[in-house]
N, C-alpha and C. Protein backbone atom coordinates (compact mmCIF):
# COMPACT_ATOMS: atom_id res chain seq x y z
N MET A 1 110.12 123.43 106.35
CA MET A 1 109.35 122.57 105.46
C MET A 1 109.11 121.25 106.20
N THR A 2 107.87 120.83 106.20
CA THR A 2 107.52 119.58 106.88
C THR A 2 107.84 118.39 105.97
N GLU A 3 107.84 117.22 106.56
CA GLU A 3 108.08 116.00 105.78
C GLU A 3 106.98 115.80 104.73
N PHE A 4 105.75 116.13 105.10
CA PHE A 4 104.63 116.01 104.17
C PHE A 4 104.82 116.94 102.97
N GLU A 5 105.22 118.19 103.23
CA GLU A 5 105.45 119.15 102.14
C GLU A 5 106.59 118.69 101.24
N LEU A 6 107.63 118.15 101.84
CA LEU A 6 108.76 117.64 101.07
C LEU A 6 108.33 116.47 100.19
N THR A 7 107.52 115.59 100.73
CA THR A 7 107.01 114.45 99.96
C THR A 7 106.16 114.93 98.79
N GLN A 8 105.32 115.93 99.04
CA GLN A 8 104.49 116.48 97.96
C GLN A 8 105.36 117.09 96.87
N LEU A 9 106.40 117.82 97.26
CA LEU A 9 107.31 118.43 96.29
C LEU A 9 108.02 117.36 95.46
N CYS A 10 108.50 116.31 96.11
CA CYS A 10 109.17 115.21 95.39
C CYS A 10 108.22 114.55 94.41
N ASP A 11 107.00 114.30 94.84
CA ASP A 11 106.00 113.69 93.95
C ASP A 11 105.73 114.58 92.75
N GLN A 12 105.63 115.88 92.99
CA GLN A 12 105.36 116.82 91.91
C GLN A 12 106.53 116.83 90.92
N LEU A 13 107.76 116.87 91.42
CA LEU A 13 108.93 116.89 90.54
C LEU A 13 109.07 115.59 89.76
N ASN A 14 108.81 114.47 90.41
CA ASN A 14 108.94 113.17 89.74
C ASN A 14 107.86 112.92 88.71
N ASN A 15 106.80 113.68 88.75
CA ASN A 15 105.72 113.51 87.79
C ASN A 15 105.61 114.68 86.81
N THR A 16 106.64 115.53 86.79
CA THR A 16 106.69 116.66 85.86
C THR A 16 107.61 116.29 84.72
N SER A 17 107.12 116.42 83.51
CA SER A 17 107.95 116.04 82.36
C SER A 17 109.04 117.09 82.13
N GLY A 18 110.14 116.62 81.53
CA GLY A 18 111.26 117.51 81.26
C GLY A 18 111.80 117.30 79.86
N LYS A 19 112.35 118.36 79.29
CA LYS A 19 112.86 118.31 77.93
C LYS A 19 113.97 117.26 77.78
N CYS A 20 114.87 117.16 78.76
CA CYS A 20 116.00 116.23 78.65
C CYS A 20 115.55 114.77 78.69
N LEU A 21 114.33 114.51 79.11
CA LEU A 21 113.80 113.14 79.17
C LEU A 21 112.78 112.90 78.06
N GLY A 22 112.82 113.72 77.03
CA GLY A 22 111.87 113.56 75.93
C GLY A 22 110.45 113.90 76.36
N TRP A 23 110.34 114.87 77.27
CA TRP A 23 109.05 115.35 77.78
C TRP A 23 108.30 114.28 78.56
N ARG A 24 109.04 113.32 79.12
CA ARG A 24 108.40 112.30 79.95
C ARG A 24 108.74 112.57 81.41
N PRO A 25 107.88 112.21 82.32
CA PRO A 25 108.16 112.40 83.75
C PRO A 25 109.31 111.49 84.20
N PRO A 26 110.15 111.96 85.12
CA PRO A 26 111.26 111.14 85.63
C PRO A 26 110.81 109.79 86.17
N ALA A 27 109.68 109.74 86.86
CA ALA A 27 109.20 108.47 87.43
C ALA A 27 108.93 107.46 86.32
N GLU A 28 108.39 107.92 85.20
CA GLU A 28 108.10 107.02 84.07
C GLU A 28 109.39 106.49 83.46
N VAL A 29 110.38 107.37 83.29
CA VAL A 29 111.67 106.96 82.72
C VAL A 29 112.36 105.98 83.65
N PHE A 30 112.31 106.24 84.96
CA PHE A 30 112.92 105.35 85.94
C PHE A 30 112.31 103.96 85.88
N ARG A 31 110.96 103.90 85.86
CA ARG A 31 110.29 102.59 85.78
C ARG A 31 110.69 101.84 84.51
N GLU A 32 110.76 102.56 83.40
CA GLU A 32 111.13 101.94 82.13
C GLU A 32 112.55 101.37 82.18
N LYS A 33 113.48 102.15 82.72
CA LYS A 33 114.88 101.70 82.81
C LYS A 33 115.01 100.51 83.75
N MET A 34 114.28 100.51 84.85
CA MET A 34 114.33 99.39 85.78
C MET A 34 113.79 98.12 85.13
N MET A 35 112.72 98.24 84.37
CA MET A 35 112.16 97.07 83.69
C MET A 35 113.14 96.53 82.65
N GLU A 36 113.86 97.42 81.96
CA GLU A 36 114.88 96.97 81.00
C GLU A 36 115.96 96.16 81.72
N LYS A 37 116.40 96.65 82.88
CA LYS A 37 117.44 95.95 83.65
C LYS A 37 116.94 94.58 84.11
N ILE A 38 115.71 94.52 84.56
CA ILE A 38 115.15 93.25 85.04
C ILE A 38 115.07 92.23 83.91
N ARG A 39 114.65 92.68 82.74
CA ARG A 39 114.52 91.77 81.60
C ARG A 39 115.88 91.29 81.10
N ARG A 40 116.92 92.08 81.27
CA ARG A 40 118.25 91.70 80.79
C ARG A 40 118.99 90.80 81.75
N ARG A 41 118.51 90.73 82.99
CA ARG A 41 119.21 89.94 84.00
C ARG A 41 119.23 88.48 83.58
N PRO A 42 120.40 87.88 83.62
CA PRO A 42 120.48 86.48 83.19
C PRO A 42 119.64 85.57 84.09
N TYR A 43 118.98 84.66 83.48
CA TYR A 43 118.13 83.71 84.20
C TYR A 43 118.76 82.34 84.07
N ARG A 44 119.10 81.74 85.19
CA ARG A 44 119.74 80.44 85.17
C ARG A 44 118.69 79.35 85.27
N LEU A 45 118.61 78.53 84.28
CA LEU A 45 117.65 77.43 84.29
C LEU A 45 118.20 76.27 85.11
N ARG A 46 117.33 75.70 85.91
CA ARG A 46 117.73 74.51 86.66
C ARG A 46 117.44 73.29 85.79
N SER A 47 118.20 72.26 86.02
CA SER A 47 117.95 71.03 85.27
C SER A 47 116.63 70.42 85.74
N TRP A 48 116.04 69.63 84.90
CA TRP A 48 114.76 69.01 85.21
C TRP A 48 114.85 68.13 86.46
N GLU A 49 115.96 67.39 86.59
CA GLU A 49 116.12 66.49 87.74
C GLU A 49 116.23 67.25 89.06
N SER A 50 116.87 68.39 89.06
CA SER A 50 117.08 69.13 90.30
C SER A 50 115.77 69.66 90.89
N ARG A 51 114.73 69.73 90.11
CA ARG A 51 113.44 70.22 90.60
C ARG A 51 112.76 69.22 91.53
N PHE A 52 113.16 67.96 91.45
CA PHE A 52 112.50 66.93 92.24
C PHE A 52 113.36 66.42 93.40
N LYS A 53 114.44 67.07 93.66
CA LYS A 53 115.32 66.64 94.77
C LYS A 53 114.93 67.31 96.05
């Protein structure tokens, strides 16, 4: 199997929906979970004065 064929197979599997994922493709579920993690990440606000130093 060539690297190109393997890449095509991975793309096909990642874009095929599955029952365990609520009939959504794995790539879609992965993107959704990553966005949830990014939004939950604590954001530290800098003080107003520190912006001008």
